[in-house]
Amino acid sequence: MRVGLGLRQAALGAAVAMVLLPTSAMAGKFCGDPVEGGKSSGATQEEALQAAQKWWSSRAGALGRGYESWDNADDRALECTQGGDGTYYCKAAGRPCLPSGVLPENVPKIEM
């Protein structure tokens, strides 16, 4: 009798998790809404790219610890142009994501 009750609770918990968690969470990766950094500049394109990624990371980090990693972001985009004076300008955009298997700090806990 006790085993059947445990299975029912597990099934209920799984059903509740499917409703409360976003689709990306079910796949093991939590992502936030798209974030866009500001226009960064540099003497070289590499310098401007690095500055743009740092700016994006500072904005993405506002979602919480772990979201600031450019390498974990989905839908990443870098746009660069060169000004008439030779200065490079870049902007980074993407969906900040936690590494696979890491849960966000603000997920509601379900008491069983």
Protein backbone atom coordinates (compact mmCIF):
# COMPACT_ATOMS: atom_id res chain seq x y z
CA MET A 1 0.00 0.00 0.00
CA ARG A 2 2.77 2.45 0.92
CA VAL A 3 4.58 1.89 -2.41
CA GLY A 4 1.48 2.77 -4.45
CA LEU A 5 1.09 6.04 -2.58
CA GLY A 6 4.74 6.92 -3.26
CA LEU A 7 4.27 6.28 -6.98
CA ARG A 8 1.20 8.49 -7.05
CA GLN A 9 3.09 11.29 -5.33
CA ALA A 10 5.99 10.92 -7.78
CA ALA A 11 3.61 11.03 -10.76
CA LEU A 12 1.87 14.10 -9.33
CA GLY A 13 5.22 15.78 -8.74
CA ALA A 14 6.32 15.09 -12.33
CA ALA A 15 3.02 16.47 -13.68
CA VAL A 16 3.35 19.64 -11.59
CA ALA A 17 6.97 20.09 -12.72
CA MET A 18 5.92 19.82 -16.37
CA VAL A 19 3.38 22.60 -15.86
CA LEU A 20 5.59 24.94 -13.80
CA LEU A 21 8.92 24.60 -15.61
CA PRO A 22 9.59 26.12 -19.03
CA THR A 23 10.26 23.78 -21.95
CA SER A 24 13.98 24.59 -21.92
CA ALA A 25 14.13 23.50 -18.28
CA MET A 26 12.73 20.10 -19.15
CA ALA A 27 15.68 19.64 -21.50
CA GLY A 28 18.03 20.43 -18.61
CA LYS A 29 18.90 24.03 -19.46
CA PHE A 30 17.29 27.15 -17.95
CA CYS A 31 17.35 30.27 -20.15
CA GLY A 32 16.13 33.79 -19.64
CA ASP A 33 14.69 36.30 -22.08
CA PRO A 34 17.03 37.75 -24.73
CA VAL A 35 19.53 40.34 -23.48
CA GLU A 36 21.30 42.92 -25.60
CA GLY A 37 24.49 44.68 -24.57
CA GLY A 38 25.36 48.20 -25.58
CA LYS A 39 27.63 49.30 -28.42
CA SER A 40 31.25 48.70 -27.39
CA SER A 41 34.34 50.05 -29.11
CA GLY A 42 37.95 49.01 -29.54
CA ALA A 43 41.08 49.71 -31.54
CA THR A 44 40.80 46.21 -33.03
CA GLN A 45 37.77 44.08 -33.84
CA GLU A 46 38.87 41.49 -31.22
CA GLU A 47 39.06 44.22 -28.56
CA ALA A 48 35.57 45.48 -29.46
CA LEU A 49 34.17 41.91 -29.46
CA GLN A 50 35.57 41.22 -26.00
CA ALA A 51 34.17 44.52 -24.68
CA ALA A 52 30.74 43.73 -26.18
CA GLN A 53 30.70 40.28 -24.56
CA LYS A 54 31.67 41.78 -21.18
CA TRP A 55 28.87 44.34 -21.44
CA TRP A 56 26.38 41.59 -22.36
CA SER A 57 27.62 39.49 -19.41
CA SER A 58 27.09 42.34 -16.96
CA ARG A 59 23.49 42.76 -18.13
CA ALA A 60 22.76 39.02 -18.25
CA GLY A 61 24.18 38.61 -14.75
CA ALA A 62 21.29 40.71 -13.42
CA LEU A 63 19.13 37.57 -13.83
CA GLY A 64 21.19 35.83 -11.16
CA ARG A 65 24.43 34.02 -10.58
CA GLY A 66 25.38 31.78 -13.52
CA TYR A 67 23.50 33.58 -16.29
CA GLU A 68 26.45 35.85 -17.11
CA SER A 69 28.39 33.26 -19.13
CA TRP A 70 28.48 34.15 -22.84
CA ASP A 71 29.54 30.56 -23.63
CA ASN A 72 26.29 29.18 -22.14
CA ALA A 73 24.02 31.64 -23.96
CA ASP A 74 21.63 30.52 -26.69
CA ASP A 75 20.87 32.48 -29.87
CA ARG A 76 24.13 34.43 -29.60
CA ALA A 77 24.74 37.23 -32.08
CA LEU A 78 27.64 39.63 -32.50
CA GLU A 79 27.35 42.62 -34.80
CA CYS A 80 30.42 44.70 -35.63
CA THR A 81 31.14 47.74 -37.79
CA GLN A 82 34.21 49.85 -38.38
CA GLY A 83 34.03 53.63 -38.10
CA GLY A 84 35.70 56.06 -40.48
CA ASP A 85 38.50 56.62 -37.99
CA GLY A 86 39.33 52.89 -37.86
CA THR A 87 37.63 52.25 -34.51
CA TYR A 88 35.61 49.03 -34.30
CA TYR A 89 32.14 48.96 -32.74
CA CYS A 90 30.44 45.73 -31.65
CA LYS A 91 27.18 44.76 -29.96
CA ALA A 92 26.38 41.38 -28.37
CA ALA A 93 22.93 39.83 -27.94
CA GLY A 94 21.69 36.43 -26.78
CA ARG A 95 19.53 34.45 -24.37
CA PRO A 96 21.38 33.98 -21.07
CA CYS A 97 21.30 30.35 -19.90
CA LEU A 98 22.53 28.42 -16.92
CA PRO A 99 24.83 25.47 -17.61
CA SER A 100 22.97 22.20 -18.23
CA GLY A 101 21.86 20.58 -15.00
CA VAL A 102 22.12 23.80 -12.90
CA LEU A 103 18.85 24.95 -11.35
CA PRO A 104 18.04 28.65 -10.98
CA GLU A 105 18.03 30.00 -7.45
CA ASN A 106 14.47 31.34 -7.72
CA VAL A 107 12.56 28.16 -8.65
CA PRO A 108 9.60 27.62 -6.32
CA LYS A 109 9.91 24.53 -4.13
CA ILE A 110 7.03 22.05 -4.12
CA GLU A 111 6.22 20.44 -0.79
CA MET A 112 4.98 16.85 -1.02
